[in-house]
Amino acid sequence: MGVPIRVLIAEDSEDDCSLFVRELRRGGYDVKFERVEAASGFEAACDSQEWDLIISDFSRPQFSKE
């Protein structure tokens, strides 16, 4: 079993999320993750537990408050 890691992934693409998780597992990590698409889901996930790593798209229009 690999090194445990909790990952929050802010990503609208399930395929991209799967790629991140697969690469982390290939790197020897036992990945527990949650994928969120919107700011409200991100805030709830941040409040629900501590994360070892957060991965996000560079551009997240759904997160804009403007």
C-alpha atoms as a PDB file:
ATOM      1  CA  MET A   1       0.000   0.000   0.000  1.00  0.00           C
ATOM      2  CA  GLY A   2       1.234   3.489  -0.832  1.00  0.00           C
ATOM      3  CA  VAL A   3       1.663   6.666   1.132  1.00  0.00           C
ATOM      4  CA  PRO A   4      -1.786   7.995   2.109  1.00  0.00           C
ATOM      5  CA  ILE A   5      -2.713  11.385   0.658  1.00  0.00           C
ATOM      6  CA  ARG A   6      -5.990  13.355   0.739  1.00  0.00           C
ATOM      7  CA  VAL A   7      -6.515  15.386  -2.424  1.00  0.00           C
ATOM      8  CA  LEU A   8      -9.137  17.987  -3.234  1.00  0.00           C
ATOM      9  CA  ILE A   9      -9.475  18.473  -6.990  1.00  0.00           C
ATOM     10  CA  ALA A  10     -11.244  21.560  -8.363  1.00  0.00           C
ATOM     11  CA  GLU A  11     -11.834  20.352 -11.893  1.00  0.00           C
ATOM     12  CA  ASP A  12     -14.803  20.330 -14.255  1.00  0.00           C
ATOM     13  CA  SER A  13     -13.480  17.417 -16.312  1.00  0.00           C
ATOM     14  CA  GLU A  14     -13.874  13.924 -14.872  1.00  0.00           C
ATOM     15  CA  ASP A  15     -11.258  12.689 -17.353  1.00  0.00           C
ATOM     16  CA  ASP A  16      -8.662  15.204 -16.140  1.00  0.00           C
ATOM     17  CA  CYS A  17      -9.437  14.314 -12.538  1.00  0.00           C
ATOM     18  CA  SER A  18      -8.913  10.642 -13.330  1.00  0.00           C
ATOM     19  CA  LEU A  19      -5.544  11.456 -14.907  1.00  0.00           C
ATOM     20  CA  PHE A  20      -4.391  13.305 -11.769  1.00  0.00           C
ATOM     21  CA  VAL A  21      -5.442  10.446  -9.511  1.00  0.00           C
ATOM     22  CA  ARG A  22      -3.886   7.805 -11.756  1.00  0.00           C
ATOM     23  CA  GLU A  23      -0.541   9.617 -11.838  1.00  0.00           C
ATOM     24  CA  LEU A  24      -0.504  10.063  -8.073  1.00  0.00           C
ATOM     25  CA  ARG A  25      -1.191   6.352  -7.644  1.00  0.00           C
ATOM     26  CA  ARG A  26       1.572   5.503 -10.114  1.00  0.00           C
ATOM     27  CA  GLY A  27       3.838   7.669  -7.964  1.00  0.00           C
ATOM     28  CA  GLY A  28       3.184   5.466  -4.946  1.00  0.00           C
ATOM     29  CA  TYR A  29       0.337   7.311  -3.222  1.00  0.00           C
ATOM     30  CA  ASP A  30      -2.819   5.816  -1.738  1.00  0.00           C
ATOM     31  CA  VAL A  31      -5.149   8.567  -2.978  1.00  0.00           C
ATOM     32  CA  LYS A  32      -8.376   9.544  -1.263  1.00  0.00           C
ATOM     33  CA  PHE A  33      -9.898  12.382  -3.266  1.00  0.00           C
ATOM     34  CA  GLU A  34     -12.915  14.563  -3.812  1.00  0.00           C
ATOM     35  CA  ARG A  35     -13.649  16.420  -7.045  1.00  0.00           C
ATOM     36  CA  VAL A  36     -15.589  19.688  -6.966  1.00  0.00           C
ATOM     37  CA  GLU A  37     -16.775  21.903  -9.809  1.00  0.00           C
ATOM     38  CA  ALA A  38     -18.168  25.017  -8.122  1.00  0.00           C
ATOM     39  CA  ALA A  39     -17.035  27.456  -5.459  1.00  0.00           C
ATOM     40  CA  SER A  40     -19.752  26.303  -3.059  1.00  0.00           C
ATOM     41  CA  GLY A  41     -18.547  22.702  -3.310  1.00  0.00           C
ATOM     42  CA  PHE A  42     -14.957  23.826  -2.818  1.00  0.00           C
ATOM     43  CA  GLU A  43     -15.825  25.786   0.317  1.00  0.00           C
ATOM     44  CA  ALA A  44     -17.830  22.870   1.733  1.00  0.00           C
ATOM     45  CA  ALA A  45     -14.995  20.431   1.023  1.00  0.00           C
ATOM     46  CA  CYS A  46     -12.461  22.731   2.687  1.00  0.00           C
ATOM     47  CA  ASP A  47     -14.675  22.924   5.760  1.00  0.00           C
ATOM     48  CA  SER A  48     -15.292  19.175   5.879  1.00  0.00           C
ATOM     49  CA  GLN A  49     -11.697  18.010   6.410  1.00  0.00           C
ATOM     50  CA  GLU A  50      -8.015  18.811   6.036  1.00  0.00           C
ATOM     51  CA  TRP A  51      -6.376  18.202   2.660  1.00  0.00           C
ATOM     52  CA  ASP A  52      -2.777  17.302   1.929  1.00  0.00           C
ATOM     53  CA  LEU A  53      -2.966  18.622  -1.623  1.00  0.00           C
ATOM     54  CA  ILE A  54      -5.333  20.815  -3.628  1.00  0.00           C
ATOM     55  CA  ILE A  55      -5.242  20.691  -7.419  1.00  0.00           C
ATOM     56  CA  SER A  56      -7.153  23.246  -9.485  1.00  0.00           C
ATOM     57  CA  ASP A  57      -7.611  24.335 -13.063  1.00  0.00           C
ATOM     58  CA  PHE A  58      -5.786  27.551 -13.800  1.00  0.00           C
ATOM     59  CA  SER A  59      -8.995  29.164 -15.030  1.00  0.00           C
ATOM     60  CA  ARG A  60     -12.136  28.500 -12.989  1.00  0.00           C
ATOM     61  CA  PRO A  61     -14.955  30.839 -14.158  1.00  0.00           C
ATOM     62  CA  GLN A  62     -17.413  29.084 -11.795  1.00  0.00           C
ATOM     63  CA  PHE A  63     -15.337  30.344  -8.867  1.00  0.00           C
ATOM     64  CA  SER A  64     -15.551  34.022  -9.819  1.00  0.00           C
ATOM     65  CA  LYS A  65     -17.644  36.244  -7.574  1.00  0.00           C
ATOM     66  CA  GLU A  66     -17.884  38.931 -10.257  1.00  0.00           C
END
